[in-house]
Protein backbone atom coordinates (compact mmCIF):
# COMPACT_ATOMS: atom_id res chain seq x y z
CA UNK A 1 -0.68 -9.95 16.04
CA UNK A 2 2.67 -9.57 14.91
CA UNK A 3 1.76 -7.36 11.53
CA UNK A 4 4.64 -4.67 11.77
CA UNK A 5 7.66 -7.00 10.98
CA UNK A 6 10.01 -7.40 7.85
CA UNK A 7 8.60 -8.92 4.90
CA UNK A 8 10.87 -10.41 1.99
CA UNK A 9 10.32 -11.57 -1.57
CA UNK A 10 13.73 -10.36 -3.40
CA UNK A 11 13.95 -7.74 -4.66
CA UNK A 12 10.84 -6.76 -2.39
CA UNK A 13 11.38 -5.76 0.97
CA UNK A 14 8.86 -4.17 3.54
CA UNK A 15 10.53 -2.98 6.61
CA UNK A 16 8.72 -1.23 9.33
CA UNK A 17 8.94 2.47 9.16
CA UNK A 18 11.34 4.48 11.19
CA UNK A 19 13.12 7.98 10.95
CA UNK A 20 16.01 6.49 8.77
CA UNK A 21 13.48 5.89 6.18
CA UNK A 22 12.26 9.81 5.91
CA UNK A 23 15.13 11.18 3.91
CA UNK A 24 15.15 8.26 1.39
CA UNK A 25 11.23 8.18 1.41
CA UNK A 26 11.56 12.11 0.73
CA UNK A 27 13.60 11.52 -2.45
CA UNK A 28 11.36 8.35 -3.80
CA UNK A 29 8.59 10.88 -3.59
CA UNK A 30 10.14 13.55 -5.51
CA UNK A 31 10.46 11.23 -8.47
CA UNK A 32 6.96 11.97 -9.81
CA UNK A 33 5.78 15.43 -8.79
CA UNK A 34 2.30 15.11 -10.68
CA UNK A 35 1.07 12.04 -8.88
CA UNK A 36 0.68 14.09 -5.71
CA UNK A 37 -2.33 16.16 -7.31
CA UNK A 38 -4.47 13.14 -6.66
CA UNK A 39 -3.11 11.73 -3.17
CA UNK A 40 -5.20 12.89 -0.11
CA UNK A 41 -1.55 14.11 1.09
CA UNK A 42 1.50 15.93 -0.88
CA UNK A 43 4.79 14.07 -0.36
CA UNK A 44 6.71 16.48 -1.80
CA UNK A 45 8.34 19.84 -1.13
CA UNK A 46 7.11 21.95 1.72
CA UNK A 47 4.07 19.39 2.41
CA UNK A 48 6.91 16.38 2.96
CA UNK A 49 7.50 16.74 6.63
CA UNK A 50 3.97 17.50 8.00
CA UNK A 51 2.43 14.65 5.94
CA UNK A 52 4.79 12.22 7.34
CA UNK A 53 4.08 13.70 10.51
CA UNK A 54 0.44 13.17 10.02
CA UNK A 55 0.90 9.71 8.85
CA UNK A 56 2.97 8.66 12.08
CA UNK A 57 0.21 9.83 14.32
CA UNK A 58 -2.60 7.78 12.22
CA UNK A 59 -4.38 5.37 14.77
CA UNK A 60 -4.51 1.85 13.55
CA UNK A 61 -1.99 2.35 10.74
CA UNK A 62 1.05 0.03 10.21
CA UNK A 63 3.45 1.64 8.07
CA UNK A 64 6.28 0.00 5.98
CA UNK A 65 9.15 1.60 3.99
CA UNK A 66 9.05 -0.42 0.64
CA UNK A 67 12.43 -1.59 -0.51
CA UNK A 68 13.86 -2.81 -3.91
CA UNK A 69 16.84 -4.53 -2.76
CA UNK A 70 18.37 -1.90 -0.41
CA UNK A 71 16.97 1.20 -2.32
CA UNK A 72 13.86 2.57 -0.62
CA UNK A 73 11.29 3.02 -3.54
CA UNK A 74 7.94 4.12 -1.72
CA UNK A 75 5.84 3.38 1.27
CA UNK A 76 2.62 1.09 2.13
CA UNK A 77 0.55 0.61 5.15
CA UNK A 78 -2.04 -1.73 6.80
CA UNK A 79 -5.26 0.48 7.74
CA UNK A 80 -7.68 0.01 10.22
CA UNK A 81 -5.43 -2.34 12.13
CA UNK A 82 -8.07 -3.22 15.17
CA UNK A 83 -10.94 -1.38 13.88
CA UNK A 84 -13.23 -4.12 12.49
CA UNK A 85 -12.23 -7.53 13.44
CA UNK A 86 -10.58 -9.96 10.76
CA UNK A 87 -11.04 -6.93 8.25
CA UNK A 88 -7.85 -4.97 7.32
CA UNK A 89 -6.96 -2.45 4.30
CA UNK A 90 -3.87 -1.88 2.29
CA UNK A 91 -3.23 1.45 1.24
CA UNK A 92 -1.71 4.83 1.58
CA UNK A 93 1.00 3.01 -1.10
CA UNK A 94 3.31 4.96 -3.26
CA UNK A 95 6.06 3.27 -5.37
CA UNK A 96 8.36 5.09 -7.64
CA UNK A 97 8.24 4.86 -11.46
CA UNK A 98 11.74 3.00 -11.58
CA UNK A 99 9.56 -0.15 -10.32
CA UNK A 100 6.07 0.63 -11.93
CA UNK A 101 5.35 -1.50 -14.95
CA UNK A 102 7.16 -4.52 -13.43
CA UNK A 103 6.02 -7.21 -10.99
CA UNK A 104 7.35 -5.52 -7.99
CA UNK A 105 3.68 -4.02 -6.91
CA UNK A 106 2.07 -7.47 -7.31
CA UNK A 107 5.00 -9.00 -5.13
CA UNK A 108 4.70 -6.31 -2.64
CA UNK A 109 1.03 -6.77 -2.51
CA UNK A 110 0.91 -10.84 -2.20
CA UNK A 111 3.66 -10.40 0.66
CA UNK A 112 1.00 -8.25 2.80
CA UNK A 113 -2.13 -10.22 1.74
CA UNK A 114 -0.42 -13.12 2.57
CA UNK A 115 0.81 -12.31 6.02
CA UNK A 116 -2.52 -10.48 6.93
CA UNK A 117 -4.21 -13.84 6.40
CA UNK A 118 -1.37 -15.45 8.71
CA UNK A 119 -2.37 -13.20 11.22
CA UNK A 120 -5.91 -14.02 11.55
CA UNK A 121 -7.54 -11.64 9.09
CA UNK A 122 -10.19 -12.86 6.35
CA UNK A 123 -10.71 -10.05 4.57
CA UNK A 124 -7.96 -7.50 2.72
CA UNK A 125 -9.36 -4.60 1.06
CA UNK A 126 -7.84 -2.02 -1.29
CA UNK A 127 -9.64 1.33 -2.07
CA UNK A 128 -8.26 3.23 -4.79
CA UNK A 129 -9.00 6.62 -6.11
CA UNK A 130 -10.45 6.56 -9.77
CA UNK A 131 -8.44 9.24 -10.77
CA UNK A 132 -5.19 6.88 -10.53
CA UNK A 133 -5.60 5.09 -13.74
CA UNK A 134 -2.47 3.09 -12.99
CA UNK A 135 -3.73 1.83 -9.65
CA UNK A 136 -7.13 1.29 -11.13
CA UNK A 137 -5.74 -1.03 -13.73
CA UNK A 138 -3.57 -2.75 -10.94
CA UNK A 139 -7.08 -3.11 -9.04
CA UNK A 140 -8.66 -4.77 -12.12
CA UNK A 141 -5.81 -7.14 -12.25
CA UNK A 142 -6.13 -7.88 -8.58
CA UNK A 143 -9.69 -8.45 -9.20
CA UNK A 144 -9.29 -11.13 -11.75
CA UNK A 145 -7.34 -13.27 -9.43
CA UNK A 146 -9.22 -12.16 -6.27
CA UNK A 147 -12.54 -13.57 -7.78
CA UNK A 148 -10.90 -17.07 -8.58
CA UNK A 149 -9.72 -16.81 -4.86
CA UNK A 150 -13.52 -16.01 -3.34
CA UNK A 151 -12.98 -11.94 -3.82
CA UNK A 152 -15.31 -9.52 -4.57
CA UNK A 153 -15.40 -7.43 -7.49
CA UNK A 154 -14.67 -3.76 -7.22
CA UNK A 155 -17.71 -1.78 -6.02
CA UNK A 156 -19.91 0.47 -7.90
CA UNK A 157 -18.37 3.50 -9.70
CA UNK A 158 -17.70 6.37 -7.45
CA UNK A 159 -14.54 8.37 -6.40
CA UNK A 160 -12.77 5.59 -4.87
CA UNK A 161 -13.48 1.40 -6.20
CA UNK A 162 -12.85 -1.12 -3.43
CA UNK A 163 -11.40 -4.66 -3.86
CA UNK A 164 -11.93 -7.11 -1.18
CA UNK A 165 -10.01 -10.53 -0.98
CA UNK A 166 -11.21 -13.52 1.12
CA UNK A 167 -9.36 -15.66 2.54
CA UNK A 168 -10.75 -19.32 1.25
């Protein structure tokens, strides 16, 4: 499977993450200091380098730099590659405030979902911390479209909500 390859829907580009993306990611992550209070990893200040190193070591993760035209605005990942046949999670996503509130996130997720389906995955999952209202809203919007596509609604109330989208 060729999951880790560049994906494009201008101005959105998802580029396999490499060392050249570290400093631009540091700058993008610093644009929203408050959000890191609810992420499992802190990607600002003295925590940034250790968090980037940890992400690089995670097995079964495919990491992408998220670009808005030529500007790095975040990161996203396929999680659980090879963990459960046909199922993959999209997560560990951060996008800078400059692209929030637009259709950028929708287009980014659509690229990832379509690419996963094209690579023999039949289920794409999202797991969102319920404290992240902005992401919860995005998942709810996705849920409406996913239900029409054969997906399942977000799971029961807990610390996380899960949305599964199944290829019909």
